[in-house]
Amino acid sequence: MNSRHTILCVALIIVLLLAVAANSAPDVQKLLPVKGELAGFDIMPETLVYGKGVNVSKVYNGGYEVYTKNGVIDVAKQMYRRGDAFVEVTGHTMKSAKAATDFINYWAKQREAKAGTNADTGFGFVVTKPNVMAYYAMDKYFVTVGAFHTQGNPSKDVELFAKAVRKKVKK
């Protein structure tokens, strides 16, 4: 009976440690779609990248200062695949919702685009050349979703991922 209690206690400790580890992921990382969330898409192994402060450079190899100077606190990026279709989702925690909106306006100017509000995805814009790329402010998050494929409907894929992130922001 004593060994049974020991095994039960060890199992309980392992479960608790796993729960703590799962909840210890940065909030921005929790915005990224998880395995099985979007039908047909799989997470590409070993593509999750996270950086905070100057370690934003882990995500942006060169030019990360634009992000930190504009209020990016931390960033998480993940790649997804469906056959030959690739989608990249990058979430950035900003200093404030205003900083996220201001950063959208900065990128809209850089991309010569016009930002607007979409109830399903937030304030932002989408460009379609050379790839489909969406930029959205979602509360205190700046989110980009890029589709790196031409078959199927890359614009729909980008919207699908942006909506999935938006639902998590609203929670």
N, C-alpha and C. Protein backbone atom coordinates (compact mmCIF):
# COMPACT_ATOMS: atom_id res chain seq x y z
N MET A 1 0.82 -1.20 0.00
CA MET A 1 0.00 0.00 0.00
C MET A 1 0.86 1.26 0.00
N ASN A 2 1.96 1.22 0.69
CA ASN A 2 2.85 2.37 0.78
C ASN A 2 3.47 2.70 -0.57
N SER A 3 3.89 1.68 -1.31
CA SER A 3 4.48 1.92 -2.63
C SER A 3 3.44 2.48 -3.60
N ARG A 4 2.20 2.09 -3.41
CA ARG A 4 1.12 2.61 -4.24
C ARG A 4 0.96 4.11 -4.03
N HIS A 5 1.01 4.53 -2.79
CA HIS A 5 0.91 5.96 -2.47
C HIS A 5 2.09 6.73 -3.04
N THR A 6 3.26 6.13 -2.98
CA THR A 6 4.46 6.78 -3.52
C THR A 6 4.32 6.96 -5.03
N ILE A 7 3.88 5.94 -5.71
CA ILE A 7 3.70 6.02 -7.16
C ILE A 7 2.64 7.07 -7.50
N LEU A 8 1.55 7.07 -6.75
CA LEU A 8 0.49 8.05 -6.96
C LEU A 8 1.01 9.47 -6.74
N CYS A 9 1.78 9.67 -5.69
CA CYS A 9 2.34 11.00 -5.41
C CYS A 9 3.31 11.44 -6.50
N VAL A 10 4.15 10.54 -6.95
CA VAL A 10 5.10 10.87 -8.02
C VAL A 10 4.34 11.22 -9.30
N ALA A 11 3.31 10.43 -9.63
CA ALA A 11 2.50 10.71 -10.82
C ALA A 11 1.83 12.08 -10.70
N LEU A 12 1.31 12.39 -9.53
CA LEU A 12 0.66 13.68 -9.31
C LEU A 12 1.65 14.83 -9.46
N ILE A 13 2.83 14.66 -8.93
CA ILE A 13 3.88 15.70 -9.06
C ILE A 13 4.24 15.90 -10.53
N ILE A 14 4.37 14.83 -11.28
CA ILE A 14 4.69 14.95 -12.71
C ILE A 14 3.59 15.69 -13.46
N VAL A 15 2.34 15.36 -13.17
CA VAL A 15 1.21 16.04 -13.81
C VAL A 15 1.23 17.52 -13.47
N LEU A 16 1.46 17.85 -12.21
CA LEU A 16 1.51 19.26 -11.80
C LEU A 16 2.66 20.01 -12.47
N LEU A 17 3.82 19.37 -12.56
CA LEU A 17 4.96 20.01 -13.23
C LEU A 17 4.68 20.25 -14.70
N LEU A 18 4.04 19.29 -15.36
CA LEU A 18 3.68 19.47 -16.77
C LEU A 18 2.68 20.60 -16.93
N ALA A 19 1.72 20.71 -16.03
CA ALA A 19 0.73 21.78 -16.09
C ALA A 19 1.39 23.13 -15.90
N VAL A 20 2.31 23.22 -14.96
CA VAL A 20 3.03 24.48 -14.72
C VAL A 20 3.87 24.84 -15.94
N ALA A 21 4.54 23.85 -16.52
CA ALA A 21 5.37 24.11 -17.71
C ALA A 21 4.51 24.59 -18.87
N ALA A 22 3.34 23.99 -19.06
CA ALA A 22 2.45 24.39 -20.16
C ALA A 22 1.95 25.81 -19.96
N ASN A 23 1.67 26.18 -18.73
CA ASN A 23 1.17 27.53 -18.44
C ASN A 23 2.27 28.57 -18.33
N SER A 24 3.52 28.13 -18.33
CA SER A 24 4.61 29.10 -18.19
C SER A 24 5.05 29.69 -19.53
N ALA A 25 4.47 29.24 -20.62
CA ALA A 25 4.79 29.83 -21.92
C ALA A 25 4.38 31.29 -21.91
N PRO A 26 5.16 32.15 -22.55
CA PRO A 26 4.78 33.57 -22.63
C PRO A 26 3.40 33.73 -23.26
N ASP A 27 2.67 34.75 -22.83
CA ASP A 27 1.31 34.99 -23.34
C ASP A 27 1.29 35.08 -24.86
N VAL A 28 2.28 35.74 -25.45
CA VAL A 28 2.29 35.90 -26.91
C VAL A 28 2.40 34.54 -27.60
N GLN A 29 3.10 33.62 -27.00
CA GLN A 29 3.24 32.29 -27.58
C GLN A 29 1.92 31.52 -27.52
N LYS A 30 1.11 31.80 -26.51
CA LYS A 30 -0.19 31.14 -26.36
C LYS A 30 -1.18 31.58 -27.43
N LEU A 31 -0.88 32.65 -28.14
CA LEU A 31 -1.75 33.12 -29.23
C LEU A 31 -1.59 32.28 -30.49
N LEU A 32 -0.46 31.61 -30.64
CA LEU A 32 -0.19 30.85 -31.85
C LEU A 32 -1.09 29.61 -31.92
N PRO A 33 -1.62 29.32 -33.10
CA PRO A 33 -2.45 28.12 -33.24
C PRO A 33 -1.68 26.86 -32.81
N VAL A 34 -2.38 25.95 -32.16
CA VAL A 34 -1.77 24.72 -31.67
C VAL A 34 -2.12 23.56 -32.60
N LYS A 35 -1.47 22.43 -32.36
CA LYS A 35 -1.67 21.23 -33.18
C LYS A 35 -3.15 20.87 -33.26
N GLY A 36 -3.63 20.66 -34.48
CA GLY A 36 -5.01 20.25 -34.69
C GLY A 36 -6.03 21.37 -34.68
N GLU A 37 -5.59 22.59 -34.40
CA GLU A 37 -6.55 23.70 -34.33
C GLU A 37 -7.09 24.11 -35.68
N LEU A 38 -6.24 24.05 -36.70
CA LEU A 38 -6.66 24.45 -38.04
C LEU A 38 -6.55 23.24 -38.97
N ALA A 39 -7.68 22.74 -39.38
CA ALA A 39 -7.75 21.52 -40.16
C ALA A 39 -6.83 21.56 -41.38
N GLY A 40 -6.06 20.49 -41.53
CA GLY A 40 -5.18 20.35 -42.68
C GLY A 40 -3.79 20.91 -42.47
N PHE A 41 -3.61 21.78 -41.50
CA PHE A 41 -2.30 22.38 -41.25
C PHE A 41 -1.62 21.70 -40.07
N ASP A 42 -0.35 21.44 -40.23
CA ASP A 42 0.47 20.90 -39.15
C ASP A 42 1.53 21.93 -38.77
N ILE A 43 1.91 21.90 -37.51
CA ILE A 43 3.02 22.76 -37.06
C ILE A 43 4.31 22.15 -37.60
N MET A 44 5.12 22.97 -38.21
CA MET A 44 6.41 22.49 -38.70
C MET A 44 7.35 22.32 -37.49
N PRO A 45 7.98 21.17 -37.39
CA PRO A 45 8.86 20.91 -36.24
C PRO A 45 9.99 21.93 -36.14
N GLU A 46 10.29 22.28 -34.92
CA GLU A 46 11.44 23.13 -34.59
C GLU A 46 11.40 24.50 -35.26
N THR A 47 10.19 25.04 -35.47
CA THR A 47 10.10 26.38 -36.07
C THR A 47 9.64 27.43 -35.07
N LEU A 48 9.31 27.03 -33.86
CA LEU A 48 8.91 28.00 -32.85
C LEU A 48 10.13 28.79 -32.40
N VAL A 49 10.02 30.12 -32.49
CA VAL A 49 11.09 31.01 -32.07
C VAL A 49 10.49 32.07 -31.16
N TYR A 50 11.17 32.36 -30.06
CA TYR A 50 10.70 33.37 -29.11
C TYR A 50 11.87 34.28 -28.75
N GLY A 51 11.57 35.58 -28.62
CA GLY A 51 12.58 36.52 -28.17
C GLY A 51 11.94 37.66 -27.40
N LYS A 52 12.68 38.17 -26.44
CA LYS A 52 12.21 39.28 -25.62
C LYS A 52 13.31 40.32 -25.53
N GLY A 53 12.92 41.61 -25.62
CA GLY A 53 13.92 42.69 -25.56
C GLY A 53 14.89 42.57 -26.72
N VAL A 54 16.20 42.64 -26.41
CA VAL A 54 17.20 42.53 -27.48
C VAL A 54 17.18 41.15 -28.13
N ASN A 55 16.62 40.15 -27.44
CA ASN A 55 16.52 38.81 -28.02
C ASN A 55 15.43 38.71 -29.07
N VAL A 56 14.75 39.82 -29.35
CA VAL A 56 13.84 39.87 -30.51
C VAL A 56 14.67 39.58 -31.77
N SER A 57 15.98 39.83 -31.66
CA SER A 57 16.87 39.54 -32.79
C SER A 57 16.90 38.06 -33.14
N LYS A 58 16.45 37.18 -32.23
CA LYS A 58 16.36 35.74 -32.55
C LYS A 58 15.31 35.51 -33.64
N VAL A 59 14.31 36.39 -33.68
CA VAL A 59 13.23 36.27 -34.65
C VAL A 59 13.56 37.08 -35.90
N TYR A 60 14.09 38.28 -35.67
CA TYR A 60 14.42 39.18 -36.78
C TYR A 60 15.92 39.31 -36.87
N ASN A 61 16.49 38.59 -37.80
CA ASN A 61 17.93 38.59 -37.99
C ASN A 61 18.31 39.87 -38.73
N GLY A 62 18.49 40.92 -37.98
CA GLY A 62 18.78 42.22 -38.56
C GLY A 62 17.52 43.07 -38.59
N GLY A 63 17.63 44.29 -38.15
CA GLY A 63 16.51 45.21 -38.17
C GLY A 63 15.55 45.09 -37.01
N TYR A 64 15.92 44.33 -35.98
CA TYR A 64 15.00 44.15 -34.85
C TYR A 64 14.77 45.45 -34.09
N GLU A 65 15.69 46.40 -34.23
CA GLU A 65 15.56 47.67 -33.51
C GLU A 65 14.28 48.41 -33.90
N VAL A 66 13.84 48.26 -35.15
CA VAL A 66 12.58 48.88 -35.58
C VAL A 66 11.44 48.39 -34.69
N TYR A 67 11.49 47.13 -34.34
CA TYR A 67 10.44 46.54 -33.51
C TYR A 67 10.53 47.02 -32.07
N THR A 68 11.70 46.94 -31.48
CA THR A 68 11.83 47.35 -30.08
C THR A 68 11.61 48.85 -29.90
N LYS A 69 12.04 49.66 -30.85
CA LYS A 69 11.83 51.11 -30.75
C LYS A 69 10.35 51.48 -30.89
N ASN A 70 9.57 50.63 -31.54
CA ASN A 70 8.15 50.90 -31.73
C ASN A 70 7.27 50.22 -30.68
N GLY A 71 7.89 49.67 -29.63
CA GLY A 71 7.11 49.16 -28.51
C GLY A 71 6.95 47.66 -28.41
N VAL A 72 7.68 46.89 -29.22
CA VAL A 72 7.60 45.43 -29.10
C VAL A 72 8.33 44.99 -27.84
N ILE A 73 7.64 44.24 -27.00
CA ILE A 73 8.22 43.71 -25.77
C ILE A 73 8.79 42.32 -26.01
N ASP A 74 7.96 41.46 -26.61
CA ASP A 74 8.43 40.11 -26.96
C ASP A 74 7.70 39.64 -28.20
N VAL A 75 8.23 38.55 -28.78
CA VAL A 75 7.69 38.06 -30.05
C VAL A 75 7.81 36.54 -30.09
N ALA A 76 6.80 35.90 -30.69
CA ALA A 76 6.82 34.45 -30.92
C ALA A 76 6.40 34.19 -32.35
N LYS A 77 7.12 33.28 -33.00
CA LYS A 77 6.84 32.96 -34.41
C LYS A 77 6.79 31.45 -34.57
N GLN A 78 5.85 31.00 -35.42
CA GLN A 78 5.69 29.57 -35.69
C GLN A 78 5.33 29.39 -37.16
N MET A 79 5.83 28.32 -37.76
CA MET A 79 5.51 27.98 -39.15
C MET A 79 4.56 26.78 -39.18
N TYR A 80 3.68 26.81 -40.18
CA TYR A 80 2.67 25.76 -40.37
C TYR A 80 2.73 25.29 -41.82
N ARG A 81 2.29 24.03 -42.03
CA ARG A 81 2.37 23.47 -43.39
C ARG A 81 1.15 22.61 -43.68
N ARG A 82 0.69 22.74 -44.92
CA ARG A 82 -0.35 21.86 -45.47
C ARG A 82 0.14 21.52 -46.88
N GLY A 83 0.68 20.33 -47.07
CA GLY A 83 1.25 19.98 -48.37
C GLY A 83 2.38 20.93 -48.72
N ASP A 84 2.22 21.63 -49.86
CA ASP A 84 3.22 22.61 -50.28
C ASP A 84 2.87 24.03 -49.85
N ALA A 85 1.87 24.17 -49.01
CA ALA A 85 1.44 25.48 -48.51
C ALA A 85 2.09 25.75 -47.16
N PHE A 86 2.70 26.91 -47.04
CA PHE A 86 3.37 27.30 -45.80
C PHE A 86 2.77 28.61 -45.29
N VAL A 87 2.49 28.66 -43.99
CA VAL A 87 1.97 29.86 -43.35
C VAL A 87 2.84 30.14 -42.13
N GLU A 88 3.17 31.40 -41.95
CA GLU A 88 3.96 31.83 -40.79
C GLU A 88 3.13 32.81 -39.97
N VAL A 89 3.04 32.56 -38.66
CA VAL A 89 2.32 33.45 -37.76
C VAL A 89 3.32 34.02 -36.77
N THR A 90 3.30 35.35 -36.63
CA THR A 90 4.19 36.02 -35.69
C THR A 90 3.36 36.94 -34.82
N GLY A 91 3.45 36.73 -33.52
CA GLY A 91 2.76 37.58 -32.56
C GLY A 91 3.75 38.41 -31.77
N HIS A 92 3.41 39.66 -31.56
CA HIS A 92 4.26 40.58 -30.82
C HIS A 92 3.46 41.19 -29.68
N THR A 93 3.95 41.14 -28.48
CA THR A 93 3.33 41.87 -27.39
C THR A 93 3.88 43.29 -27.45
N MET A 94 2.96 44.26 -27.47
CA MET A 94 3.34 45.66 -27.54
C MET A 94 3.19 46.31 -26.16
N LYS A 95 3.75 47.49 -26.00
CA LYS A 95 3.63 48.22 -24.73
C LYS A 95 2.19 48.58 -24.42
N SER A 96 1.38 48.74 -25.46
CA SER A 96 -0.02 49.11 -25.28
C SER A 96 -0.78 48.84 -26.57
N ALA A 97 -2.11 48.92 -26.48
CA ALA A 97 -2.94 48.78 -27.68
C ALA A 97 -2.65 49.92 -28.65
N LYS A 98 -2.39 51.11 -28.12
CA LYS A 98 -2.06 52.25 -28.97
C LYS A 98 -0.75 52.00 -29.73
N ALA A 99 0.23 51.42 -29.05
CA ALA A 99 1.51 51.11 -29.71
C ALA A 99 1.28 50.11 -30.85
N ALA A 100 0.37 49.14 -30.63
CA ALA A 100 0.07 48.17 -31.69
C ALA A 100 -0.57 48.86 -32.89
N THR A 101 -1.53 49.75 -32.63
CA THR A 101 -2.18 50.50 -33.71
C THR A 101 -1.19 51.40 -34.43
N ASP A 102 -0.35 52.08 -33.67
CA ASP A 102 0.67 52.94 -34.29
C ASP A 102 1.62 52.14 -35.16
N PHE A 103 1.95 50.91 -34.73
CA PHE A 103 2.86 50.08 -35.52
C PHE A 103 2.19 49.61 -36.80
N ILE A 104 0.89 49.35 -36.75
CA ILE A 104 0.14 49.02 -37.98
C ILE A 104 0.24 50.19 -38.95
N ASN A 105 0.02 51.40 -38.44
CA ASN A 105 0.10 52.58 -39.31
C ASN A 105 1.49 52.76 -39.89
N TYR A 106 2.51 52.47 -39.10
CA TYR A 106 3.90 52.53 -39.59
C TYR A 106 4.07 51.56 -40.76
N TRP A 107 3.63 50.30 -40.58
CA TRP A 107 3.80 49.30 -41.63
C TRP A 107 2.91 49.59 -42.84
N ALA A 108 1.73 50.14 -42.62
CA ALA A 108 0.86 50.50 -43.74
C ALA A 108 1.57 51.54 -44.62
N LYS A 109 2.20 52.50 -43.98
CA LYS A 109 2.94 53.52 -44.73
C LYS A 109 4.11 52.88 -45.49
N GLN A 110 4.84 51.99 -44.82
CA GLN A 110 5.98 51.31 -45.47
C GLN A 110 5.53 50.46 -46.66
N ARG A 111 4.38 49.84 -46.55
CA ARG A 111 3.88 48.93 -47.60
C ARG A 111 2.94 49.63 -48.58
N GLU A 112 2.79 50.96 -48.39
CA GLU A 112 1.90 51.75 -49.24
C GLU A 112 0.50 51.14 -49.28
N ALA A 113 -0.01 50.84 -48.10
CA ALA A 113 -1.33 50.23 -47.96
C ALA A 113 -2.20 51.11 -47.07
N LYS A 114 -3.47 50.80 -47.04
CA LYS A 114 -4.40 51.53 -46.20
C LYS A 114 -4.95 50.57 -45.15
N ALA A 115 -4.80 50.93 -43.89
CA ALA A 115 -5.29 50.09 -42.80
C ALA A 115 -6.76 50.40 -42.53
N GLY A 116 -7.47 49.39 -42.09
CA GLY A 116 -8.87 49.53 -41.73
C GLY A 116 -9.25 48.51 -40.68
N THR A 117 -10.47 48.58 -40.19
CA THR A 117 -10.93 47.68 -39.14
C THR A 117 -11.76 46.55 -39.73
N ASN A 118 -11.48 45.34 -39.27
CA ASN A 118 -12.22 44.15 -39.65
C ASN A 118 -12.66 43.49 -38.35
N ALA A 119 -13.94 43.24 -38.17
CA ALA A 119 -14.47 42.68 -36.92
C ALA A 119 -13.85 41.33 -36.58
N ASP A 120 -13.49 40.55 -37.60
CA ASP A 120 -12.95 39.21 -37.36
C ASP A 120 -11.45 39.20 -37.08
N THR A 121 -10.74 40.22 -37.53
CA THR A 121 -9.28 40.17 -37.42
C THR A 121 -8.65 41.38 -36.74
N GLY A 122 -9.38 42.46 -36.57
CA GLY A 122 -8.81 43.64 -35.91
C GLY A 122 -8.49 44.75 -36.89
N PHE A 123 -7.70 45.70 -36.44
CA PHE A 123 -7.29 46.84 -37.25
C PHE A 123 -6.03 46.46 -38.00
N GLY A 124 -6.03 46.61 -39.31
CA GLY A 124 -4.84 46.25 -40.07
C GLY A 124 -5.07 46.29 -41.56
N PHE A 125 -4.24 45.54 -42.25
CA PHE A 125 -4.30 45.51 -43.72
C PHE A 125 -3.64 44.24 -44.23
N VAL A 126 -3.88 43.96 -45.51
CA VAL A 126 -3.31 42.79 -46.17
C VAL A 126 -2.67 43.24 -47.48
N VAL A 127 -1.48 42.75 -47.75
CA VAL A 127 -0.85 42.95 -49.06
C VAL A 127 -0.77 41.59 -49.75
N THR A 128 -0.76 41.59 -51.08
CA THR A 128 -0.79 40.33 -51.80
C THR A 128 0.44 40.08 -52.67
N LYS A 129 1.39 40.99 -52.65
CA LYS A 129 2.60 40.80 -53.47
C LYS A 129 3.82 41.13 -52.63
N PRO A 130 4.88 40.34 -52.67
CA PRO A 130 5.07 39.14 -53.47
C PRO A 130 4.34 37.93 -52.90
N ASN A 131 4.01 37.97 -51.60
CA ASN A 131 3.22 36.92 -50.96
C ASN A 131 2.06 37.59 -50.25
N VAL A 132 1.08 36.79 -49.85
CA VAL A 132 -0.02 37.34 -49.06
C VAL A 132 0.48 37.51 -47.63
N MET A 133 0.37 38.75 -47.14
CA MET A 133 0.86 39.07 -45.80
C MET A 133 -0.15 39.99 -45.12
N ALA A 134 -0.59 39.60 -43.93
CA ALA A 134 -1.54 40.41 -43.17
C ALA A 134 -0.85 40.99 -41.94
N TYR A 135 -1.23 42.22 -41.61
CA TYR A 135 -0.70 42.94 -40.45
C TYR A 135 -1.91 43.40 -39.64
N TYR A 136 -2.00 42.98 -38.37
CA TYR A 136 -3.15 43.35 -37.56
C TYR A 136 -2.74 43.78 -36.16
N ALA A 137 -3.46 44.78 -35.64
CA ALA A 137 -3.38 45.15 -34.23
C ALA A 137 -4.57 44.48 -33.56
N MET A 138 -4.29 43.67 -32.57
CA MET A 138 -5.32 42.96 -31.82
C MET A 138 -5.08 43.26 -30.34
N ASP A 139 -5.79 44.26 -29.84
CA ASP A 139 -5.58 44.74 -28.48
C ASP A 139 -4.12 45.16 -28.34
N LYS A 140 -3.37 44.60 -27.41
CA LYS A 140 -1.98 45.00 -27.22
C LYS A 140 -1.01 44.15 -28.05
N TYR A 141 -1.54 43.42 -29.02
CA TYR A 141 -0.70 42.56 -29.86
C TYR A 141 -0.65 43.06 -31.29
N PHE A 142 0.52 42.96 -31.87
CA PHE A 142 0.74 43.21 -33.29
C PHE A 142 0.98 41.83 -33.89
N VAL A 143 0.15 41.43 -34.84
CA VAL A 143 0.19 40.08 -35.39
C VAL A 143 0.40 40.14 -36.90
N THR A 144 1.32 39.33 -37.39
CA THR A 144 1.48 39.18 -38.83
C THR A 144 1.25 37.73 -39.20
N VAL A 145 0.62 37.54 -40.35
CA VAL A 145 0.39 36.20 -40.89
C VAL A 145 0.79 36.26 -42.36
N GLY A 146 1.68 35.37 -42.75
CA GLY A 146 2.12 35.33 -44.14
C GLY A 146 1.90 33.97 -44.75
N ALA A 147 1.43 33.94 -45.99
CA ALA A 147 1.25 32.68 -46.73
C ALA A 147 2.32 32.65 -47.82
N PHE A 148 3.06 31.57 -47.85
CA PHE A 148 4.15 31.44 -48.80
C PHE A 148 3.86 30.30 -49.76
N HIS A 149 2.76 30.48 -50.50
CA HIS A 149 2.37 29.50 -51.50
C HIS A 149 1.40 30.18 -52.48
N THR A 150 1.20 29.52 -53.62
CA THR A 150 0.30 30.09 -54.62
C THR A 150 -0.87 29.18 -54.93
N GLN A 151 -0.75 27.87 -54.64
CA GLN A 151 -1.87 26.96 -54.91
C GLN A 151 -2.95 27.18 -53.86
N GLY A 152 -4.15 26.78 -54.22
CA GLY A 152 -5.26 26.98 -53.28
C GLY A 152 -5.59 28.45 -53.17
N ASN A 153 -5.88 28.90 -51.98
CA ASN A 153 -6.24 30.28 -51.75
C ASN A 153 -5.44 30.84 -50.57
N PRO A 154 -4.23 31.37 -50.84
CA PRO A 154 -3.40 31.86 -49.74
C PRO A 154 -4.07 32.97 -48.94
N SER A 155 -4.90 33.79 -49.57
CA SER A 155 -5.60 34.85 -48.84
C SER A 155 -6.55 34.25 -47.80
N LYS A 156 -7.24 33.17 -48.17
CA LYS A 156 -8.13 32.50 -47.22
C LYS A 156 -7.35 31.87 -46.07
N ASP A 157 -6.18 31.31 -46.39
CA ASP A 157 -5.35 30.71 -45.35
C ASP A 157 -4.89 31.77 -44.35
N VAL A 158 -4.47 32.92 -44.85
CA VAL A 158 -4.04 34.01 -43.98
C VAL A 158 -5.20 34.45 -43.08
N GLU A 159 -6.37 34.60 -43.67
CA GLU A 159 -7.54 35.02 -42.89
C GLU A 159 -7.90 33.97 -41.83
N LEU A 160 -7.82 32.69 -42.19
CA LEU A 160 -8.10 31.60 -41.26
C LEU A 160 -7.20 31.69 -40.03
N PHE A 161 -5.91 31.88 -40.25
CA PHE A 161 -4.96 31.96 -39.14
C PHE A 161 -5.16 33.24 -38.33
N ALA A 162 -5.41 34.35 -39.01
CA ALA A 162 -5.62 35.62 -38.30
C ALA A 162 -6.86 35.53 -37.40
N LYS A 163 -7.92 34.90 -37.89
CA LYS A 163 -9.14 34.73 -37.09
C LYS A 163 -8.87 33.85 -35.87
N ALA A 164 -8.07 32.81 -36.05
CA ALA A 164 -7.75 31.90 -34.94
C ALA A 164 -6.99 32.65 -33.84
N VAL A 165 -6.06 33.50 -34.24
CA VAL A 165 -5.31 34.29 -33.26
C VAL A 165 -6.25 35.29 -32.59
N ARG A 166 -7.08 35.95 -33.37
CA ARG A 166 -8.01 36.96 -32.83
C ARG A 166 -8.91 36.36 -31.75
N LYS A 167 -9.38 35.14 -31.96
CA LYS A 167 -10.24 34.49 -30.96
C LYS A 167 -9.49 34.34 -29.63
N LYS A 168 -8.21 34.02 -29.70
CA LYS A 168 -7.42 33.85 -28.48
C LYS A 168 -7.17 35.20 -27.79
N VAL A 169 -7.02 36.25 -28.57
CA VAL A 169 -6.81 37.58 -28.00
C VAL A 169 -8.06 38.01 -27.25
N LYS A 170 -9.23 37.70 -27.80
CA LYS A 170 -10.50 38.11 -27.19
C LYS A 170 -10.81 37.38 -25.90
N LYS A 171 -10.19 36.23 -25.65
CA LYS A 171 -10.49 35.44 -24.44
C LYS A 171 -10.10 36.17 -23.18
